[in-house]
């Protein structure tokens, strides 16, 4: 059974998933979970260099499988770059949410 779980994690390690609003509380937990399950994560934040996003880079697996993208959810081009090559996405920052994400 353990071998099957390892095989699944290895297969997922080739799959990219995008999480918008990754600096938020729930979204950052989703990023952590996805990394732990072997996914490569494209995470959007307002400013990747902002110290409030440093915790994302410290997550286990982040150095190999996390890419932070500067993106505003109203900027189609920025979002298109973040989701390029992704198999799925978790929208945790939505337009008109007035600072509220998932």
Protein backbone atom coordinates (compact mmCIF):
# COMPACT_ATOMS: atom_id res chain seq x y z
CA UNK A 1 0.00 0.00 0.00
CA UNK A 2 2.85 2.39 0.82
CA UNK A 3 4.34 1.78 -2.62
CA UNK A 4 1.06 2.82 -4.22
CA UNK A 5 1.04 6.10 -2.24
CA UNK A 6 4.64 6.76 -3.27
CA UNK A 7 3.79 6.10 -6.91
CA UNK A 8 0.85 8.52 -6.69
CA UNK A 9 3.03 11.24 -5.15
CA UNK A 10 5.66 10.71 -7.84
CA UNK A 11 3.06 11.03 -10.58
CA UNK A 12 1.62 14.19 -9.03
CA UNK A 13 5.07 15.75 -8.74
CA UNK A 14 4.83 16.34 -12.47
CA UNK A 15 1.45 18.06 -12.17
CA UNK A 16 1.26 21.81 -11.66
CA UNK A 17 -1.57 23.37 -9.69
CA UNK A 18 -2.21 27.10 -9.30
CA UNK A 19 -3.40 28.67 -6.05
CA UNK A 20 -4.43 32.33 -6.21
CA UNK A 21 -4.14 34.51 -3.13
CA UNK A 22 -1.56 32.10 -1.70
CA UNK A 23 -0.47 34.55 1.00
CA UNK A 24 -3.85 34.25 2.70
CA UNK A 25 -4.49 32.00 5.68
CA UNK A 26 -6.48 29.20 4.05
CA UNK A 27 -4.69 29.41 0.71
CA UNK A 28 -1.29 29.05 2.39
CA UNK A 29 -2.54 25.86 4.07
CA UNK A 30 -3.67 24.60 0.66
CA UNK A 31 -0.19 25.32 -0.72
CA UNK A 32 1.35 23.38 2.18
CA UNK A 33 -0.99 20.42 1.58
CA UNK A 34 -0.37 20.37 -2.16
CA UNK A 35 3.42 20.48 -1.69
CA UNK A 36 3.22 17.67 0.88
CA UNK A 37 1.27 15.57 -1.63
CA UNK A 38 3.92 16.05 -4.30
CA UNK A 39 2.35 18.70 -6.50
CA UNK A 40 4.30 21.54 -8.10
CA UNK A 41 2.51 24.72 -7.04
CA UNK A 42 2.20 28.01 -8.91
CA UNK A 43 1.11 30.46 -6.22
CA UNK A 44 -0.06 34.00 -6.88
CA UNK A 45 0.56 36.78 -4.38
CA UNK A 46 0.47 40.54 -4.68
CA UNK A 47 4.21 40.90 -4.09
CA UNK A 48 6.48 37.82 -3.93
CA UNK A 49 9.21 39.85 -2.19
CA UNK A 50 6.89 40.99 0.63
CA UNK A 51 8.12 39.52 3.96
CA UNK A 52 4.56 38.39 4.76
CA UNK A 53 4.96 35.75 2.04
CA UNK A 54 8.27 34.41 3.39
CA UNK A 55 6.47 31.55 5.15
CA UNK A 56 5.53 30.09 1.78
CA UNK A 57 9.18 29.73 0.76
CA UNK A 58 9.90 27.94 4.04
CA UNK A 59 7.35 25.18 3.48
CA UNK A 60 8.67 21.67 3.03
CA UNK A 61 9.22 21.05 -0.69
CA UNK A 62 8.94 24.74 -1.58
CA UNK A 63 12.50 25.09 -2.85
CA UNK A 64 11.83 22.44 -5.51
CA UNK A 65 8.11 22.72 -6.18
CA UNK A 66 6.87 26.23 -5.44
CA UNK A 67 6.86 29.20 -7.80
CA UNK A 68 5.50 32.53 -6.60
CA UNK A 69 3.92 34.81 -9.20
CA UNK A 70 3.14 38.49 -8.81
CA UNK A 71 -0.47 38.71 -9.87
CA UNK A 72 -3.57 40.80 -9.46
CA UNK A 73 -6.70 38.74 -10.11
CA UNK A 74 -7.99 41.50 -12.37
CA UNK A 75 -4.84 41.31 -14.55
CA UNK A 76 -5.56 38.62 -17.15
CA UNK A 77 -1.95 38.52 -18.39
CA UNK A 78 -0.50 37.97 -14.93
CA UNK A 79 -2.98 35.20 -14.18
CA UNK A 80 -2.38 33.59 -17.57
CA UNK A 81 1.35 33.35 -16.76
CA UNK A 82 0.61 31.79 -13.37
CA UNK A 83 -1.80 29.16 -14.69
CA UNK A 84 0.26 28.27 -17.77
CA UNK A 85 1.02 24.56 -17.65
CA UNK A 86 -1.26 23.92 -14.68
CA UNK A 87 -3.62 20.99 -14.58
CA UNK A 88 -5.90 22.61 -12.00
CA UNK A 89 -6.42 25.69 -9.92
CA UNK A 90 -7.77 26.79 -6.57
CA UNK A 91 -9.08 30.37 -6.72
CA UNK A 92 -8.65 31.72 -3.20
CA UNK A 93 -8.58 35.37 -4.19
CA UNK A 94 -11.51 36.55 -6.23
CA UNK A 95 -12.32 39.91 -7.79
CA UNK A 96 -14.71 41.94 -5.70
CA UNK A 97 -13.92 39.96 -2.54
CA UNK A 98 -12.89 43.20 -0.76
CA UNK A 99 -9.89 41.64 0.92
CA UNK A 100 -11.68 38.37 1.56
CA UNK A 101 -10.28 35.22 0.02
CA UNK A 102 -10.94 31.56 0.61
